[in-house]
Amino acid sequence: MESLQIENINDKIFTIRGLKVMLDSDLARFYQVETKYLNRQVKRNFEKFNETDFMFQLEDKELKELRCQIGTTNLSMTRTNSFVFTEQGVYMLATVINSKVATSITKTIMRTFTKMREFALNYQDISKKLNNIEITMKIDQQQTNYNTHKIDEAFELLNQILKDTKEIDNNLIGFRPIKKNNKT
């Protein structure tokens, strides 16, 4: 059996209905069983999978979108739409496909889901921090714009005061010192 890496599994996890899921055909390949065997075991133990947060069957629209997303026609080879399994459903599969391969693969899949969740949490923290920085920058920019406007107003007032002072100086009545003319 070839070694199954987290990267290989990661490529087989899709987001459908807001849930991270894996296709029955991919899981069957990982578990080294036929897809119909996997689905038969699920049907025989349906009470373990009857919650939509464990497993659900793809609708036609979802199947079509998934085909476009992964660029394969392998999904059209079945008579019924594929089943997909969430992390909890994958764990439950290990209990109905009772083999060493299934147990080993399930451990690797669980680790992959955990890594993805950790990455998403880290990404969410980074996203929040970037959002806070952006808000701070907008507030700082607004404050800078406000300050610039107030400084412009202050300069306009100073210019008006200087202009008014000059006009008052020119219209003063009374003693004025004589300016010496440079002509001699």
N, C-alpha and C. Protein backbone atom coordinates (compact mmCIF):
# COMPACT_ATOMS: atom_id res chain seq x y z
N MET A 1 0.84 -1.18 0.00
CA MET A 1 0.00 0.00 0.00
C MET A 1 0.88 1.24 0.00
N GLU A 2 0.56 2.18 -0.89
CA GLU A 2 1.35 3.40 -0.95
C GLU A 2 1.05 4.26 0.26
N SER A 3 2.05 5.00 0.66
CA SER A 3 1.88 5.86 1.83
C SER A 3 0.95 7.02 1.48
N LEU A 4 -0.03 7.24 2.31
CA LEU A 4 -1.01 8.29 2.08
C LEU A 4 -0.59 9.53 2.86
N GLN A 5 -0.35 10.60 2.16
CA GLN A 5 0.10 11.84 2.79
C GLN A 5 -1.09 12.78 3.02
N ILE A 6 -0.91 13.66 3.97
CA ILE A 6 -1.96 14.64 4.27
C ILE A 6 -2.27 15.48 3.04
N GLU A 7 -1.25 15.80 2.25
CA GLU A 7 -1.47 16.60 1.04
C GLU A 7 -2.41 15.89 0.08
N ASN A 8 -2.26 14.55 -0.06
CA ASN A 8 -3.14 13.79 -0.94
C ASN A 8 -4.58 13.85 -0.45
N ILE A 9 -4.76 13.74 0.83
CA ILE A 9 -6.10 13.76 1.41
C ILE A 9 -6.68 15.16 1.30
N ASN A 10 -5.86 16.15 1.55
CA ASN A 10 -6.31 17.54 1.49
C ASN A 10 -6.94 17.87 0.14
N ASP A 11 -6.40 17.30 -0.93
CA ASP A 11 -6.93 17.54 -2.27
C ASP A 11 -8.29 16.89 -2.47
N LYS A 12 -8.67 15.99 -1.60
CA LYS A 12 -9.93 15.25 -1.73
C LYS A 12 -11.00 15.75 -0.75
N ILE A 13 -10.72 16.85 -0.08
CA ILE A 13 -11.70 17.43 0.84
C ILE A 13 -12.30 18.66 0.17
N PHE A 14 -13.63 18.67 0.09
CA PHE A 14 -14.34 19.75 -0.58
C PHE A 14 -15.31 20.41 0.39
N THR A 15 -15.69 21.63 0.08
CA THR A 15 -16.69 22.33 0.88
C THR A 15 -18.01 22.30 0.13
N ILE A 16 -18.99 21.64 0.73
CA ILE A 16 -20.33 21.55 0.16
C ILE A 16 -21.31 21.81 1.29
N ARG A 17 -22.28 22.67 1.03
CA ARG A 17 -23.27 23.08 2.03
C ARG A 17 -22.59 23.64 3.29
N GLY A 18 -21.44 24.24 3.08
CA GLY A 18 -20.73 24.84 4.20
C GLY A 18 -19.98 23.85 5.06
N LEU A 19 -19.93 22.58 4.63
CA LEU A 19 -19.25 21.54 5.40
C LEU A 19 -18.06 21.00 4.61
N LYS A 20 -17.02 20.64 5.31
CA LYS A 20 -15.87 19.98 4.69
C LYS A 20 -16.22 18.51 4.56
N VAL A 21 -16.18 17.99 3.32
CA VAL A 21 -16.61 16.61 3.08
C VAL A 21 -15.66 15.89 2.13
N MET A 22 -15.79 14.56 2.13
CA MET A 22 -15.05 13.71 1.20
C MET A 22 -16.03 12.83 0.46
N LEU A 23 -15.73 12.57 -0.80
CA LEU A 23 -16.59 11.73 -1.63
C LEU A 23 -16.47 10.26 -1.25
N ASP A 24 -17.56 9.53 -1.42
CA ASP A 24 -17.55 8.09 -1.14
C ASP A 24 -16.53 7.37 -2.01
N SER A 25 -16.40 7.79 -3.27
CA SER A 25 -15.46 7.11 -4.18
C SER A 25 -14.00 7.32 -3.75
N ASP A 26 -13.69 8.53 -3.29
CA ASP A 26 -12.32 8.79 -2.81
C ASP A 26 -12.03 8.00 -1.54
N LEU A 27 -12.99 7.97 -0.64
CA LEU A 27 -12.80 7.20 0.60
C LEU A 27 -12.65 5.71 0.30
N ALA A 28 -13.45 5.20 -0.62
CA ALA A 28 -13.34 3.78 -0.99
C ALA A 28 -11.95 3.48 -1.54
N ARG A 29 -11.45 4.39 -2.37
CA ARG A 29 -10.10 4.19 -2.93
C ARG A 29 -9.06 4.20 -1.82
N PHE A 30 -9.18 5.13 -0.88
CA PHE A 30 -8.24 5.19 0.24
C PHE A 30 -8.32 3.92 1.10
N TYR A 31 -9.54 3.45 1.33
CA TYR A 31 -9.75 2.26 2.17
C TYR A 31 -9.50 0.96 1.42
N GLN A 32 -9.24 1.07 0.14
CA GLN A 32 -8.96 -0.08 -0.73
C GLN A 32 -10.15 -1.04 -0.80
N VAL A 33 -11.33 -0.45 -0.95
CA VAL A 33 -12.56 -1.22 -1.15
C VAL A 33 -13.32 -0.59 -2.32
N GLU A 34 -14.30 -1.31 -2.82
CA GLU A 34 -15.13 -0.75 -3.88
C GLU A 34 -16.12 0.24 -3.28
N THR A 35 -16.49 1.23 -4.07
CA THR A 35 -17.44 2.24 -3.60
C THR A 35 -18.77 1.60 -3.23
N LYS A 36 -19.21 0.61 -4.01
CA LYS A 36 -20.50 -0.02 -3.70
C LYS A 36 -20.42 -0.78 -2.37
N TYR A 37 -19.26 -1.36 -2.04
CA TYR A 37 -19.10 -2.02 -0.75
C TYR A 37 -19.20 -0.99 0.38
N LEU A 38 -18.50 0.14 0.22
CA LEU A 38 -18.54 1.19 1.24
C LEU A 38 -19.98 1.66 1.46
N ASN A 39 -20.68 1.95 0.37
CA ASN A 39 -22.06 2.43 0.49
C ASN A 39 -23.00 1.35 1.06
N ARG A 40 -22.74 0.10 0.73
CA ARG A 40 -23.55 -0.99 1.28
C ARG A 40 -23.36 -1.07 2.80
N GLN A 41 -22.14 -0.92 3.28
CA GLN A 41 -21.87 -0.94 4.71
C GLN A 41 -22.56 0.24 5.41
N VAL A 42 -22.58 1.37 4.74
CA VAL A 42 -23.26 2.54 5.30
C VAL A 42 -24.75 2.26 5.40
N LYS A 43 -25.34 1.70 4.35
CA LYS A 43 -26.78 1.40 4.37
C LYS A 43 -27.13 0.37 5.44
N ARG A 44 -26.26 -0.59 5.64
CA ARG A 44 -26.50 -1.61 6.66
C ARG A 44 -26.41 -1.03 8.07
N ASN A 45 -25.67 0.04 8.21
CA ASN A 45 -25.47 0.68 9.53
C ASN A 45 -25.97 2.12 9.49
N PHE A 46 -27.09 2.31 8.84
CA PHE A 46 -27.57 3.66 8.57
C PHE A 46 -27.79 4.49 9.84
N GLU A 47 -28.13 3.85 10.94
CA GLU A 47 -28.36 4.59 12.19
C GLU A 47 -27.11 5.37 12.62
N LYS A 48 -25.94 4.95 12.16
CA LYS A 48 -24.70 5.66 12.50
C LYS A 48 -24.47 6.89 11.61
N PHE A 49 -25.21 6.96 10.48
CA PHE A 49 -24.95 8.00 9.49
C PHE A 49 -26.17 8.86 9.18
N ASN A 50 -27.26 8.69 9.88
CA ASN A 50 -28.50 9.33 9.47
C ASN A 50 -28.59 10.82 9.80
N GLU A 51 -27.53 11.40 10.26
CA GLU A 51 -27.49 12.84 10.53
C GLU A 51 -26.75 13.52 9.37
N THR A 52 -27.25 14.68 8.93
CA THR A 52 -26.61 15.36 7.80
C THR A 52 -25.24 15.93 8.13
N ASP A 53 -24.89 15.99 9.41
CA ASP A 53 -23.54 16.43 9.73
C ASP A 53 -22.55 15.26 9.71
N PHE A 54 -23.03 14.07 9.35
CA PHE A 54 -22.17 12.89 9.17
C PHE A 54 -22.04 12.53 7.69
N MET A 55 -23.18 12.57 6.98
CA MET A 55 -23.18 12.12 5.59
C MET A 55 -24.45 12.66 4.92
N PHE A 56 -24.34 12.93 3.62
CA PHE A 56 -25.52 13.25 2.83
C PHE A 56 -25.23 12.95 1.38
N GLN A 57 -26.30 12.84 0.60
CA GLN A 57 -26.17 12.54 -0.82
C GLN A 57 -26.18 13.85 -1.59
N LEU A 58 -25.29 13.97 -2.56
CA LEU A 58 -25.21 15.19 -3.36
C LEU A 58 -26.46 15.37 -4.20
N GLU A 59 -26.90 16.60 -4.33
CA GLU A 59 -27.98 16.93 -5.25
C GLU A 59 -27.37 17.11 -6.64
N ASP A 60 -28.20 17.06 -7.66
CA ASP A 60 -27.71 17.17 -9.05
C ASP A 60 -26.87 18.43 -9.25
N LYS A 61 -27.35 19.55 -8.74
CA LYS A 61 -26.64 20.82 -8.90
C LYS A 61 -25.26 20.76 -8.22
N GLU A 62 -25.22 20.20 -7.02
CA GLU A 62 -23.96 20.09 -6.29
C GLU A 62 -22.98 19.18 -7.03
N LEU A 63 -23.51 18.11 -7.58
CA LEU A 63 -22.66 17.17 -8.32
C LEU A 63 -22.07 17.85 -9.55
N LYS A 64 -22.89 18.62 -10.24
CA LYS A 64 -22.43 19.33 -11.43
C LYS A 64 -21.35 20.35 -11.07
N GLU A 65 -21.57 21.10 -9.99
CA GLU A 65 -20.57 22.08 -9.54
C GLU A 65 -19.28 21.39 -9.13
N LEU A 66 -19.40 20.25 -8.48
CA LEU A 66 -18.22 19.52 -8.03
C LEU A 66 -17.43 19.00 -9.23
N ARG A 67 -18.15 18.52 -10.24
CA ARG A 67 -17.47 18.05 -11.46
C ARG A 67 -16.65 19.18 -12.08
N CYS A 68 -17.24 20.37 -12.13
CA CYS A 68 -16.52 21.52 -12.68
C CYS A 68 -15.32 21.88 -11.82
N GLN A 69 -15.50 21.81 -10.51
CA GLN A 69 -14.45 22.18 -9.57
C GLN A 69 -13.24 21.25 -9.67
N ILE A 70 -13.48 19.95 -9.78
CA ILE A 70 -12.35 19.02 -9.78
C ILE A 70 -11.97 18.57 -11.19
N GLY A 71 -12.75 18.98 -12.18
CA GLY A 71 -12.40 18.71 -13.57
C GLY A 71 -12.35 17.24 -13.92
N THR A 72 -13.32 16.47 -13.48
CA THR A 72 -13.32 15.05 -13.80
C THR A 72 -14.72 14.59 -14.14
N THR A 73 -14.78 13.55 -14.92
CA THR A 73 -16.09 12.96 -15.23
C THR A 73 -16.29 11.66 -14.46
N ASN A 74 -15.35 11.31 -13.60
CA ASN A 74 -15.47 10.08 -12.82
C ASN A 74 -16.75 10.04 -11.99
N LEU A 75 -17.25 11.19 -11.64
CA LEU A 75 -18.45 11.24 -10.81
C LEU A 75 -19.70 10.86 -11.60
N SER A 76 -19.61 10.84 -12.93
CA SER A 76 -20.81 10.53 -13.73
C SER A 76 -20.95 9.03 -13.98
N MET A 77 -20.04 8.23 -13.48
CA MET A 77 -20.06 6.79 -13.74
C MET A 77 -21.06 6.03 -12.87
N THR A 78 -21.70 6.68 -11.95
CA THR A 78 -22.61 5.99 -11.05
C THR A 78 -24.05 6.28 -11.43
N ARG A 79 -24.93 5.38 -11.03
CA ARG A 79 -26.35 5.56 -11.33
C ARG A 79 -26.99 6.56 -10.38
N THR A 80 -26.46 6.65 -9.19
CA THR A 80 -27.00 7.59 -8.20
C THR A 80 -25.93 8.61 -7.86
N ASN A 81 -26.37 9.72 -7.33
CA ASN A 81 -25.43 10.76 -6.93
C ASN A 81 -24.57 10.25 -5.76
N SER A 82 -23.36 10.74 -5.74
CA SER A 82 -22.40 10.32 -4.72
C SER A 82 -22.84 10.72 -3.32
N PHE A 83 -22.40 9.94 -2.35
CA PHE A 83 -22.54 10.30 -0.95
C PHE A 83 -21.26 11.02 -0.55
N VAL A 84 -21.40 11.96 0.36
CA VAL A 84 -20.22 12.64 0.90
C VAL A 84 -20.27 12.50 2.41
N PHE A 85 -19.08 12.47 3.00
CA PHE A 85 -18.94 12.23 4.44
C PHE A 85 -18.17 13.38 5.08
N THR A 86 -18.68 13.85 6.19
CA THR A 86 -17.99 14.87 6.96
C THR A 86 -16.91 14.18 7.81
N GLU A 87 -16.21 14.97 8.58
CA GLU A 87 -15.17 14.41 9.45
C GLU A 87 -15.76 13.35 10.38
N GLN A 88 -16.92 13.64 10.96
CA GLN A 88 -17.56 12.68 11.86
C GLN A 88 -18.00 11.43 11.09
N GLY A 89 -18.47 11.64 9.86
CA GLY A 89 -18.88 10.50 9.04
C GLY A 89 -17.71 9.61 8.66
N VAL A 90 -16.56 10.23 8.40
CA VAL A 90 -15.36 9.45 8.08
C VAL A 90 -14.97 8.60 9.28
N TYR A 91 -15.04 9.19 10.45
CA TYR A 91 -14.73 8.43 11.67
C TYR A 91 -15.69 7.25 11.80
N MET A 92 -16.96 7.49 11.56
CA MET A 92 -17.97 6.44 11.66
C MET A 92 -17.72 5.34 10.63
N LEU A 93 -17.22 5.73 9.46
CA LEU A 93 -16.91 4.73 8.42
C LEU A 93 -15.90 3.71 8.94
N ALA A 94 -14.93 4.17 9.70
CA ALA A 94 -13.91 3.26 10.22
C ALA A 94 -14.53 2.19 11.11
N THR A 95 -15.68 2.51 11.69
CA THR A 95 -16.32 1.51 12.56
C THR A 95 -17.10 0.47 11.77
N VAL A 96 -17.51 0.81 10.54
CA VAL A 96 -18.28 -0.16 9.75
C VAL A 96 -17.42 -0.87 8.71
N ILE A 97 -16.31 -0.26 8.33
CA ILE A 97 -15.35 -0.94 7.45
C ILE A 97 -14.21 -1.34 8.36
N ASN A 98 -14.38 -2.47 8.96
CA ASN A 98 -13.49 -2.90 10.03
C ASN A 98 -12.26 -3.59 9.45
N SER A 99 -11.23 -2.77 9.18
CA SER A 99 -9.97 -3.33 8.68
C SER A 99 -8.82 -2.46 9.16
N LYS A 100 -7.62 -3.02 9.12
CA LYS A 100 -6.45 -2.26 9.53
C LYS A 100 -6.22 -1.08 8.59
N VAL A 101 -6.48 -1.30 7.32
CA VAL A 101 -6.31 -0.22 6.33
C VAL A 101 -7.26 0.93 6.67
N ALA A 102 -8.52 0.61 6.92
CA ALA A 102 -9.51 1.65 7.23
C ALA A 102 -9.12 2.42 8.48
N THR A 103 -8.65 1.71 9.49
CA THR A 103 -8.24 2.37 10.73
C THR A 103 -7.06 3.29 10.49
N SER A 104 -6.07 2.82 9.77
CA SER A 104 -4.88 3.61 9.49
C SER A 104 -5.22 4.85 8.65
N ILE A 105 -6.00 4.64 7.61
CA ILE A 105 -6.37 5.75 6.74
C ILE A 105 -7.22 6.76 7.51
N THR A 106 -8.13 6.28 8.33
CA THR A 106 -8.99 7.19 9.10
C THR A 106 -8.16 8.07 10.02
N LYS A 107 -7.14 7.54 10.62
CA LYS A 107 -6.26 8.34 11.47
C LYS A 107 -5.63 9.47 10.66
N THR A 108 -5.15 9.14 9.48
CA THR A 108 -4.53 10.15 8.63
C THR A 108 -5.55 11.21 8.21
N ILE A 109 -6.75 10.75 7.86
CA ILE A 109 -7.81 11.70 7.46
C ILE A 109 -8.18 12.61 8.62
N MET A 110 -8.30 12.05 9.82
CA MET A 110 -8.63 12.86 11.00
C MET A 110 -7.55 13.92 11.24
N ARG A 111 -6.28 13.53 11.06
CA ARG A 111 -5.19 14.49 11.23
C ARG A 111 -5.29 15.60 10.19
N THR A 112 -5.69 15.24 8.98
CA THR A 112 -5.84 16.24 7.91
C THR A 112 -6.94 17.23 8.25
N PHE A 113 -8.08 16.72 8.69
CA PHE A 113 -9.17 17.61 9.08
C PHE A 113 -8.72 18.53 10.21
N THR A 114 -7.98 18.01 11.16
CA THR A 114 -7.49 18.81 12.28
C THR A 114 -6.56 19.91 11.79
N LYS A 115 -5.64 19.56 10.90
CA LYS A 115 -4.71 20.55 10.34
C LYS A 115 -5.47 21.64 9.60
N MET A 116 -6.47 21.24 8.84
CA MET A 116 -7.27 22.23 8.10
C MET A 116 -8.00 23.16 9.07
N ARG A 117 -8.53 22.63 10.13
CA ARG A 117 -9.25 23.43 11.12
C ARG A 117 -8.28 24.41 11.79
N GLU A 118 -7.08 23.93 12.15
CA GLU A 118 -6.07 24.79 12.76
C GLU A 118 -5.67 25.91 11.80
N PHE A 119 -5.48 25.55 10.54
CA PHE A 119 -5.13 26.56 9.55
C PHE A 119 -6.23 27.60 9.43
N ALA A 120 -7.47 27.14 9.38
CA ALA A 120 -8.61 28.06 9.27
C ALA A 120 -8.67 29.00 10.47
N LEU A 121 -8.42 28.47 11.67
CA LEU A 121 -8.44 29.31 12.87
C LEU A 121 -7.31 30.34 12.82
N ASN A 122 -6.12 29.93 12.41
CA ASN A 122 -5.00 30.86 12.29
C ASN A 122 -5.31 31.92 11.24
N TYR A 123 -5.87 31.49 10.13
CA TYR A 123 -6.20 32.42 9.06
C TYR A 123 -7.26 33.42 9.55
N GLN A 124 -8.21 32.92 10.33
CA GLN A 124 -9.26 33.78 10.86
C GLN A 124 -8.66 34.84 11.79
N ASP A 125 -7.71 34.45 12.64
CA ASP A 125 -7.04 35.40 13.52
C ASP A 125 -6.29 36.46 12.71
N ILE A 126 -5.58 36.02 11.70
CA ILE A 126 -4.83 36.95 10.84
C ILE A 126 -5.80 37.89 10.14
N SER A 127 -6.90 37.35 9.65
CA SER A 127 -7.90 38.16 8.97
C SER A 127 -8.47 39.22 9.89
N LYS A 128 -8.76 38.85 11.15
CA LYS A 128 -9.28 39.82 12.12
C LYS A 128 -8.25 40.92 12.38
N LYS A 129 -6.99 40.53 12.52
CA LYS A 129 -5.94 41.52 12.78
C LYS A 129 -5.80 42.48 11.61
N LEU A 130 -5.83 41.95 10.39
CA LEU A 130 -5.75 42.81 9.21
C LEU A 130 -6.95 43.74 9.13
N ASN A 131 -8.11 43.24 9.47
CA ASN A 131 -9.31 44.06 9.46
C ASN A 131 -9.20 45.20 10.48
N ASN A 132 -8.68 44.87 11.68
CA ASN A 132 -8.48 45.91 12.70
C ASN A 132 -7.48 46.96 12.24
N ILE A 133 -6.42 46.53 11.58
CA ILE A 133 -5.43 47.47 11.06
C ILE A 133 -6.07 48.38 10.02
N GLU A 134 -6.87 47.79 9.15
CA GLU A 134 -7.55 48.57 8.11
C GLU A 134 -8.49 49.61 8.73
N ILE A 135 -9.23 49.21 9.75
CA ILE A 135 -10.14 50.14 10.44
C ILE A 135 -9.34 51.26 11.09
N THR A 136 -8.23 50.91 11.75
CA THR A 136 -7.38 51.91 12.39
C THR A 136 -6.83 52.89 11.36
N MET A 137 -6.41 52.35 10.21
CA MET A 137 -5.87 53.21 9.16
C MET A 137 -6.95 54.16 8.63
N LYS A 138 -8.17 53.66 8.50
CA LYS A 138 -9.27 54.52 8.04
C LYS A 138 -9.53 55.62 9.06
N ILE A 139 -9.54 55.25 10.34
CA ILE A 139 -9.75 56.24 11.39
C ILE A 139 -8.60 57.25 11.37
N ASP A 140 -7.36 56.76 11.25
CA ASP A 140 -6.20 57.64 11.19
C ASP A 140 -6.29 58.56 9.97
N GLN A 141 -6.73 58.01 8.85
CA GLN A 141 -6.86 58.81 7.62
C GLN A 141 -7.94 59.87 7.80
N GLN A 142 -9.05 59.49 8.44
CA GLN A 142 -10.11 60.46 8.71
C GLN A 142 -9.60 61.56 9.64
N GLN A 143 -8.84 61.16 10.66
CA GLN A 143 -8.27 62.15 11.59
C GLN A 143 -7.29 63.05 10.86
N THR A 144 -6.46 62.47 9.98
CA THR A 144 -5.51 63.25 9.20
C THR A 144 -6.25 64.23 8.30
N ASN A 145 -7.30 63.78 7.65
CA ASN A 145 -8.09 64.66 6.79
C ASN A 145 -8.72 65.79 7.60
N TYR A 146 -9.24 65.46 8.76
CA TYR A 146 -9.83 66.47 9.65
C TYR A 146 -8.78 67.49 10.08
N ASN A 147 -7.62 66.98 10.50
CA ASN A 147 -6.55 67.87 10.94
C ASN A 147 -6.08 68.77 9.80
N THR A 148 -5.94 68.20 8.62
CA THR A 148 -5.52 68.98 7.45
C THR A 148 -6.53 70.08 7.16
N HIS A 149 -7.80 69.75 7.25
CA HIS A 149 -8.86 70.73 7.02
C HIS A 149 -8.76 71.87 8.05
N LYS A 150 -8.57 71.51 9.31
CA LYS A 150 -8.47 72.52 10.36
C LYS A 150 -7.22 73.39 10.18
N ILE A 151 -6.12 72.79 9.76
CA ILE A 151 -4.89 73.57 9.51
C ILE A 151 -5.12 74.53 8.35
N ASP A 152 -5.78 74.06 7.30
CA ASP A 152 -6.09 74.93 6.16
C ASP A 152 -6.95 76.11 6.61
N GLU A 153 -7.95 75.83 7.47
CA GLU A 153 -8.80 76.90 8.00
C GLU A 153 -7.96 77.90 8.80
N ALA A 154 -7.04 77.40 9.60
CA ALA A 154 -6.19 78.26 10.42
C ALA A 154 -5.33 79.16 9.52
N PHE A 155 -4.76 78.62 8.45
CA PHE A 155 -3.96 79.42 7.54
C PHE A 155 -4.81 80.45 6.82
N GLU A 156 -6.03 80.09 6.45
CA GLU A 156 -6.92 81.05 5.83
C GLU A 156 -7.21 82.21 6.78
N LEU A 157 -7.47 81.88 8.06
CA LEU A 157 -7.71 82.93 9.05
C LEU A 157 -6.47 83.81 9.24
N LEU A 158 -5.30 83.18 9.32
CA LEU A 158 -4.06 83.96 9.47
C LEU A 158 -3.85 84.87 8.26
N ASN A 159 -4.08 84.36 7.07
CA ASN A 159 -3.93 85.19 5.86
C ASN A 159 -4.92 86.35 5.89
N GLN A 160 -6.15 86.08 6.32
CA GLN A 160 -7.15 87.14 6.41
C GLN A 160 -6.73 88.19 7.44
N ILE A 161 -6.20 87.73 8.58
CA ILE A 161 -5.73 88.66 9.61
C ILE A 161 -4.59 89.52 9.07
N LEU A 162 -3.64 88.91 8.36
CA LEU A 162 -2.52 89.67 7.78
C LEU A 162 -3.01 90.68 6.75
N LYS A 163 -3.96 90.28 5.94
CA LYS A 163 -4.52 91.17 4.91
C LYS A 163 -5.24 92.34 5.59
N ASP A 164 -6.06 92.02 6.60
CA ASP A 164 -6.78 93.07 7.32
C ASP A 164 -5.81 94.02 8.02
N THR A 165 -4.75 93.48 8.61
CA THR A 165 -3.75 94.28 9.31
C THR A 165 -3.06 95.22 8.34
N LYS A 166 -2.74 94.75 7.15
CA LYS A 166 -2.07 95.57 6.14
C LYS A 166 -2.97 96.70 5.70
N GLU A 167 -4.27 96.42 5.51
CA GLU A 167 -5.21 97.46 5.11
C GLU A 167 -5.36 98.50 6.22
N ILE A 168 -5.39 98.04 7.44
CA ILE A 168 -5.51 98.96 8.58
C ILE A 168 -4.27 99.84 8.65
N ASP A 169 -3.07 99.28 8.44
CA ASP A 169 -1.83 100.04 8.46
C ASP A 169 -1.84 101.13 7.40
N ASN A 170 -2.38 100.83 6.24
CA ASN A 170 -2.40 101.80 5.14
C ASN A 170 -3.42 102.92 5.40
N ASN A 171 -4.42 102.65 6.19
CA ASN A 171 -5.46 103.64 6.42
C ASN A 171 -5.33 104.33 7.78
N LEU A 172 -4.22 104.20 8.44
CA LEU A 172 -4.03 104.81 9.75
C LEU A 172 -3.98 106.32 9.64
N ILE A 173 -4.66 106.96 10.52
CA ILE A 173 -4.62 108.42 10.58
C ILE A 173 -3.69 108.79 11.72
N GLY A 174 -2.91 109.78 11.49
CA GLY A 174 -2.03 110.19 12.56
C GLY A 174 -0.59 110.22 12.11
N PHE A 175 0.28 110.26 13.06
CA PHE A 175 1.71 110.36 12.81
C PHE A 175 2.23 109.12 12.13
N ARG A 176 2.94 109.41 11.04
CA ARG A 176 3.63 108.32 10.35
C ARG A 176 5.07 108.75 10.14
N PRO A 177 5.94 107.85 10.41
CA PRO A 177 7.33 108.23 10.17
C PRO A 177 7.57 108.40 8.67
N ILE A 178 8.39 109.36 8.36
CA ILE A 178 8.70 109.64 6.97
C ILE A 178 9.71 108.62 6.51
N LYS A 179 9.37 108.12 5.37
CA LYS A 179 10.30 107.16 4.80
C LYS A 179 11.32 107.92 4.03
N LYS A 180 12.56 107.61 4.22
CA LYS A 180 13.63 108.30 3.53
C LYS A 180 13.67 107.76 2.11
N ASN A 181 13.85 108.74 1.25
CA ASN A 181 13.96 108.39 -0.16
C ASN A 181 15.41 108.18 -0.47
N ASN A 182 15.73 107.25 -1.22
CA ASN A 182 17.12 106.97 -1.57
C ASN A 182 17.68 107.96 -2.59
N LYS A 183 16.86 108.87 -3.09
CA LYS A 183 17.33 109.88 -4.07
C LYS A 183 18.02 111.03 -3.32
N THR A 184 19.09 111.43 -3.80
CA THR A 184 19.75 112.56 -3.20
C THR A 184 20.11 113.59 -4.21
